[in-house]
Amino acid sequence: MIKHIVLFKFENPEVNIPVVRESLYALVDKIPEIVHMQIGADFLHSGRSYDMALLVDFKSREDLEIYDKHPDHAKARVYIHEHRLDSKTVDFEY
């Protein structure tokens, strides 16, 4: 299994998180390679906090690659890239 984790920091989290959450959760019905997806917004707002976390499970590295190149994921990514200040990613096998 592959775990794909992305942390996002947005310009305007109150506006951006609901839009991003909706667009990413919509991918579950469009990309069969997604095994499971979780999205959460930070509530501590500490100096080290990012605004939102995305966790996605895939069966294989190939499935992660299909997700990454999927046209619907590319559409969601456009909005994210326009409104994010920063992001960090970790991908690992478990």
Protein backbone atom coordinates (compact mmCIF):
# COMPACT_ATOMS: atom_id res chain seq x y z
CA MET A 1 0.00 0.00 0.00
CA ILE A 2 1.02 3.59 -0.65
CA LYS A 3 0.19 6.53 1.61
CA HIS A 4 0.19 9.94 -0.10
CA ILE A 5 0.23 12.86 2.36
CA VAL A 6 0.07 16.54 1.43
CA LEU A 7 0.04 19.49 3.82
CA PHE A 8 -1.26 22.80 2.48
CA LYS A 9 -0.95 26.39 3.61
CA PHE A 10 -3.47 28.70 1.90
CA GLU A 11 -3.85 32.45 1.35
CA ASN A 12 -7.36 32.42 2.82
CA PRO A 13 -8.00 29.09 4.58
CA GLU A 14 -11.62 29.86 5.50
CA VAL A 15 -12.47 30.25 1.81
CA ASN A 16 -9.97 27.89 0.20
CA ILE A 17 -10.33 24.77 2.38
CA PRO A 18 -14.02 24.09 1.62
CA VAL A 19 -13.43 24.50 -2.13
CA VAL A 20 -10.35 22.27 -2.13
CA ARG A 21 -12.00 19.68 0.11
CA GLU A 22 -14.99 19.41 -2.22
CA SER A 23 -12.87 19.16 -5.38
CA LEU A 24 -10.57 16.51 -3.89
CA TYR A 25 -13.34 14.36 -2.40
CA ALA A 26 -15.05 14.42 -5.82
CA LEU A 27 -12.01 12.56 -7.19
CA VAL A 28 -12.92 9.45 -5.19
CA ASP A 29 -15.81 8.78 -7.57
CA LYS A 30 -13.75 9.60 -10.66
CA ILE A 31 -10.46 7.80 -9.98
CA PRO A 32 -10.95 4.14 -9.07
CA GLU A 33 -7.31 3.77 -7.99
CA ILE A 34 -8.07 5.76 -4.81
CA VAL A 35 -8.57 3.25 -2.00
CA HIS A 36 -9.32 5.80 0.73
CA MET A 37 -9.11 9.56 1.18
CA GLN A 38 -9.14 11.74 4.30
CA ILE A 39 -9.00 15.52 4.45
CA GLY A 40 -8.72 17.53 7.65
CA ALA A 41 -8.39 21.21 8.56
CA ASP A 42 -6.01 22.28 11.32
CA PHE A 43 -7.65 23.58 14.47
CA LEU A 44 -4.63 24.52 16.62
CA HIS A 45 -3.23 27.20 14.29
CA SER A 46 0.20 27.03 15.93
CA GLY A 47 3.26 28.62 14.38
CA ARG A 48 4.21 25.26 12.85
CA SER A 49 0.73 24.39 11.59
CA TYR A 50 -0.33 24.01 8.01
CA ASP A 51 -3.99 24.68 7.18
CA MET A 52 -5.08 21.34 5.71
CA ALA A 53 -3.89 17.75 5.39
CA LEU A 54 -4.74 15.33 2.59
CA LEU A 55 -4.16 11.60 3.11
CA VAL A 56 -4.80 9.18 0.25
CA ASP A 57 -4.23 5.41 0.11
CA PHE A 58 -3.36 3.53 -3.08
CA LYS A 59 -2.59 -0.13 -3.71
CA SER A 60 0.58 0.59 -5.70
CA ARG A 61 3.00 3.23 -6.92
CA GLU A 62 1.45 2.83 -10.35
CA ASP A 63 -1.97 3.73 -8.95
CA LEU A 64 -0.48 6.86 -7.35
CA GLU A 65 0.98 7.80 -10.73
CA ILE A 66 -2.41 7.30 -12.44
CA TYR A 67 -3.99 9.59 -9.81
CA ASP A 68 -1.26 12.18 -10.21
CA LYS A 69 -1.71 12.36 -14.01
CA HIS A 70 -5.51 12.06 -14.05
CA PRO A 71 -7.19 15.02 -15.85
CA ASP A 72 -9.70 15.58 -13.02
CA HIS A 73 -6.84 15.74 -10.51
CA ALA A 74 -5.14 18.27 -12.78
CA LYS A 75 -8.28 20.44 -12.69
CA ALA A 76 -8.37 20.35 -8.89
CA ARG A 77 -4.66 21.15 -8.78
CA VAL A 78 -5.17 24.38 -10.78
CA TYR A 79 -7.28 25.96 -8.01
CA ILE A 80 -4.92 24.67 -5.32
CA HIS A 81 -1.85 26.12 -7.02
CA GLU A 82 -3.58 29.47 -7.48
CA HIS A 83 -4.38 29.77 -3.75
CA ARG A 84 -1.71 27.94 -1.82
CA LEU A 85 1.17 29.64 -0.11
CA ASP A 86 3.08 26.40 0.43
CA SER A 87 2.70 22.64 0.45
CA LYS A 88 4.71 19.63 1.60
CA THR A 89 4.36 16.03 0.45
CA VAL A 90 5.36 12.62 1.76
CA ASP A 91 4.72 9.34 -0.09
CA PHE A 92 5.58 6.02 1.56
CA GLU A 93 4.88 2.32 1.36
CA TYR A 94 3.37 0.43 4.27
